[in-house]
N, C-alpha and C. Protein backbone atom coordinates (compact mmCIF):
# COMPACT_ATOMS: atom_id res chain seq x y z
N MET A 1 171.18 80.65 36.01
CA MET A 1 171.58 80.01 37.24
C MET A 1 172.98 79.42 37.05
N LYS A 2 173.87 79.80 37.92
CA LYS A 2 175.23 79.27 37.88
C LYS A 2 175.33 78.05 38.78
N SER A 3 176.34 77.22 38.54
CA SER A 3 176.47 75.98 39.32
C SER A 3 176.60 76.26 40.81
N VAL A 4 177.33 77.29 41.17
CA VAL A 4 177.48 77.62 42.59
C VAL A 4 176.14 78.03 43.20
N GLN A 5 175.29 78.68 42.42
CA GLN A 5 173.97 79.04 42.92
C GLN A 5 173.12 77.81 43.17
N MET A 6 173.26 76.81 42.31
CA MET A 6 172.50 75.59 42.48
C MET A 6 172.91 74.90 43.78
N LYS A 7 174.20 74.86 44.07
CA LYS A 7 174.68 74.27 45.32
C LYS A 7 174.17 75.06 46.52
N MET A 8 174.25 76.39 46.43
CA MET A 8 173.78 77.24 47.53
C MET A 8 172.29 77.05 47.75
N ALA A 9 171.54 76.97 46.67
CA ALA A 9 170.09 76.82 46.77
C ALA A 9 169.73 75.49 47.43
N ARG A 10 170.40 74.43 47.01
CA ARG A 10 170.15 73.12 47.64
C ARG A 10 170.42 73.17 49.12
N ALA A 11 171.54 73.78 49.50
CA ALA A 11 171.90 73.88 50.92
C ALA A 11 170.87 74.70 51.69
N ALA A 12 170.40 75.77 51.08
CA ALA A 12 169.45 76.66 51.76
C ALA A 12 168.14 75.96 52.10
N ILE A 13 167.72 75.05 51.22
CA ILE A 13 166.44 74.37 51.48
C ILE A 13 166.64 72.97 52.06
N GLY A 14 167.90 72.58 52.26
CA GLY A 14 168.18 71.31 52.90
C GLY A 14 167.98 70.09 52.02
N TRP A 15 168.11 70.27 50.72
CA TRP A 15 167.97 69.15 49.79
C TRP A 15 169.32 68.57 49.44
N GLY A 16 169.35 67.26 49.28
CA GLY A 16 170.51 66.58 48.72
C GLY A 16 170.38 66.53 47.21
N VAL A 17 171.38 65.98 46.59
CA VAL A 17 171.39 65.85 45.13
C VAL A 17 170.18 65.05 44.66
N ARG A 18 169.88 63.97 45.36
CA ARG A 18 168.77 63.10 44.95
C ARG A 18 167.41 63.81 45.02
N GLU A 19 167.23 64.62 46.07
CA GLU A 19 165.96 65.34 46.20
C GLU A 19 165.77 66.34 45.07
N LEU A 20 166.82 67.07 44.74
CA LEU A 20 166.71 68.02 43.64
C LEU A 20 166.47 67.28 42.33
N ALA A 21 167.20 66.22 42.11
CA ALA A 21 167.04 65.44 40.88
C ALA A 21 165.60 64.95 40.73
N ALA A 22 165.04 64.41 41.80
CA ALA A 22 163.66 63.91 41.75
C ALA A 22 162.68 65.04 41.46
N ALA A 23 162.86 66.18 42.11
CA ALA A 23 161.95 67.31 41.92
C ALA A 23 162.02 67.87 40.51
N ALA A 24 163.20 67.77 39.89
CA ALA A 24 163.38 68.33 38.55
C ALA A 24 163.19 67.30 37.44
N GLY A 25 163.08 66.04 37.80
CA GLY A 25 162.90 64.99 36.80
C GLY A 25 164.17 64.67 36.03
N VAL A 26 165.31 64.77 36.71
CA VAL A 26 166.60 64.43 36.09
C VAL A 26 167.30 63.43 37.01
N THR A 27 168.45 62.93 36.57
CA THR A 27 169.19 62.00 37.41
C THR A 27 170.08 62.73 38.40
N ALA A 28 170.41 62.06 39.49
CA ALA A 28 171.32 62.63 40.47
C ALA A 28 172.68 62.88 39.84
N ASN A 29 173.10 62.03 38.94
CA ASN A 29 174.37 62.21 38.24
C ASN A 29 174.38 63.50 37.44
N THR A 30 173.26 63.84 36.84
CA THR A 30 173.15 65.09 36.08
C THR A 30 173.33 66.29 37.00
N VAL A 31 172.70 66.26 38.15
CA VAL A 31 172.83 67.36 39.11
C VAL A 31 174.30 67.51 39.52
N THR A 32 174.93 66.41 39.87
CA THR A 32 176.33 66.44 40.29
C THR A 32 177.23 66.99 39.19
N ARG A 33 177.03 66.53 37.98
CA ARG A 33 177.86 67.00 36.86
C ARG A 33 177.71 68.50 36.65
N ILE A 34 176.48 69.00 36.71
CA ILE A 34 176.24 70.44 36.51
C ILE A 34 176.87 71.23 37.66
N GLU A 35 176.70 70.75 38.88
CA GLU A 35 177.29 71.44 40.02
C GLU A 35 178.81 71.48 39.95
N ASN A 36 179.39 70.51 39.25
CA ASN A 36 180.84 70.47 39.09
C ASN A 36 181.31 71.22 37.84
N GLY A 37 180.38 71.92 37.18
CA GLY A 37 180.75 72.79 36.07
C GLY A 37 180.51 72.27 34.67
N ALA A 38 179.93 71.09 34.54
CA ALA A 38 179.66 70.55 33.20
C ALA A 38 178.52 71.32 32.53
N ASP A 39 178.55 71.35 31.23
CA ASP A 39 177.47 71.98 30.47
C ASP A 39 176.23 71.08 30.50
N ALA A 40 175.09 71.70 30.29
CA ALA A 40 173.83 70.95 30.25
C ALA A 40 172.88 71.64 29.28
N LYS A 41 171.89 70.88 28.83
CA LYS A 41 170.86 71.46 27.98
C LYS A 41 170.12 72.55 28.74
N GLN A 42 169.69 73.56 28.02
CA GLN A 42 168.95 74.65 28.67
C GLN A 42 167.68 74.13 29.32
N SER A 43 167.04 73.13 28.72
CA SER A 43 165.82 72.59 29.30
C SER A 43 166.08 71.92 30.65
N THR A 44 167.25 71.33 30.80
CA THR A 44 167.63 70.71 32.07
C THR A 44 167.86 71.79 33.13
N ILE A 45 168.58 72.83 32.76
CA ILE A 45 168.82 73.95 33.68
C ILE A 45 167.49 74.58 34.09
N ASP A 46 166.61 74.76 33.13
CA ASP A 46 165.30 75.34 33.41
C ASP A 46 164.50 74.48 34.39
N ALA A 47 164.56 73.16 34.23
CA ALA A 47 163.83 72.25 35.12
C ALA A 47 164.40 72.31 36.53
N LEU A 48 165.72 72.36 36.65
CA LEU A 48 166.36 72.46 37.96
C LEU A 48 166.01 73.78 38.64
N ARG A 49 166.09 74.84 37.87
CA ARG A 49 165.77 76.15 38.43
C ARG A 49 164.31 76.22 38.88
N ALA A 50 163.42 75.70 38.06
CA ALA A 50 161.99 75.71 38.40
C ALA A 50 161.72 74.92 39.68
N ALA A 51 162.38 73.78 39.83
CA ALA A 51 162.20 72.97 41.04
C ALA A 51 162.68 73.73 42.28
N LEU A 52 163.81 74.40 42.16
CA LEU A 52 164.35 75.16 43.30
C LEU A 52 163.47 76.38 43.61
N GLU A 53 163.00 77.04 42.58
CA GLU A 53 162.12 78.20 42.80
C GLU A 53 160.80 77.76 43.44
N ALA A 54 160.27 76.61 43.02
CA ALA A 54 159.03 76.11 43.60
C ALA A 54 159.21 75.78 45.08
N ALA A 55 160.46 75.48 45.47
CA ALA A 55 160.76 75.17 46.87
C ALA A 55 161.06 76.43 47.68
N GLY A 56 161.01 77.60 47.03
CA GLY A 56 161.17 78.85 47.75
C GLY A 56 162.47 79.60 47.54
N VAL A 57 163.26 79.19 46.57
CA VAL A 57 164.54 79.85 46.31
C VAL A 57 164.33 81.01 45.34
N ILE A 58 165.01 82.12 45.63
CA ILE A 58 165.06 83.26 44.72
C ILE A 58 166.51 83.42 44.30
N PHE A 59 166.76 83.48 43.01
CA PHE A 59 168.11 83.62 42.48
C PHE A 59 168.46 85.09 42.33
N LEU A 60 169.64 85.46 42.80
CA LEU A 60 170.13 86.83 42.71
C LEU A 60 171.19 86.92 41.62
N ALA A 61 171.04 87.90 40.75
CA ALA A 61 172.00 88.10 39.67
C ALA A 61 173.27 88.76 40.20
N ASP A 62 174.32 88.75 39.41
CA ASP A 62 175.55 89.45 39.77
C ASP A 62 175.19 90.88 40.15
N GLY A 63 175.77 91.35 41.24
CA GLY A 63 175.52 92.72 41.68
C GLY A 63 174.38 92.85 42.68
N GLN A 64 173.53 91.85 42.79
CA GLN A 64 172.42 91.91 43.74
C GLN A 64 172.80 91.33 45.10
N ASN A 65 173.92 90.67 45.15
CA ASN A 65 174.38 90.04 46.37
C ASN A 65 175.31 91.00 47.11
N VAL A 66 175.50 90.79 48.39
CA VAL A 66 176.34 91.66 49.21
C VAL A 66 177.75 91.78 48.64
N ASP A 67 178.32 90.67 48.20
CA ASP A 67 179.69 90.71 47.67
C ASP A 67 179.76 91.00 46.18
N GLY A 68 178.62 91.24 45.57
CA GLY A 68 178.58 91.58 44.15
C GLY A 68 178.50 90.40 43.21
N GLY A 69 178.62 89.20 43.73
CA GLY A 69 178.54 87.99 42.90
C GLY A 69 177.14 87.43 42.88
N PRO A 70 176.95 86.29 42.22
CA PRO A 70 175.64 85.67 42.18
C PRO A 70 175.30 85.09 43.55
N GLY A 71 174.02 84.95 43.82
CA GLY A 71 173.62 84.39 45.11
C GLY A 71 172.21 83.88 45.07
N VAL A 72 171.73 83.47 46.23
CA VAL A 72 170.35 82.99 46.39
C VAL A 72 169.83 83.50 47.73
N ARG A 73 168.52 83.49 47.85
CA ARG A 73 167.87 83.73 49.14
C ARG A 73 166.55 82.99 49.12
N LEU A 74 165.95 82.87 50.28
CA LEU A 74 164.66 82.18 50.39
C LEU A 74 163.54 83.20 50.46
N LYS A 75 162.38 82.79 49.93
CA LYS A 75 161.20 83.65 49.98
C LYS A 75 160.78 83.87 51.40
């Protein structure tokens, strides 16, 4: 999951930073830092991704999106 995908996923399901943070068990500051390109532990990324997937997000790899870049869609 790339930082831009995390932002797109949040927007798609209508969550703010705080909602994602609560669902993933991390701080809102952590979400913001990752979305701004900071590195994070793999376990943190996994928790964020799992929370977004549980909310109905499907992550698209490079090449699966219309423009060829990474993307998201809803179930």
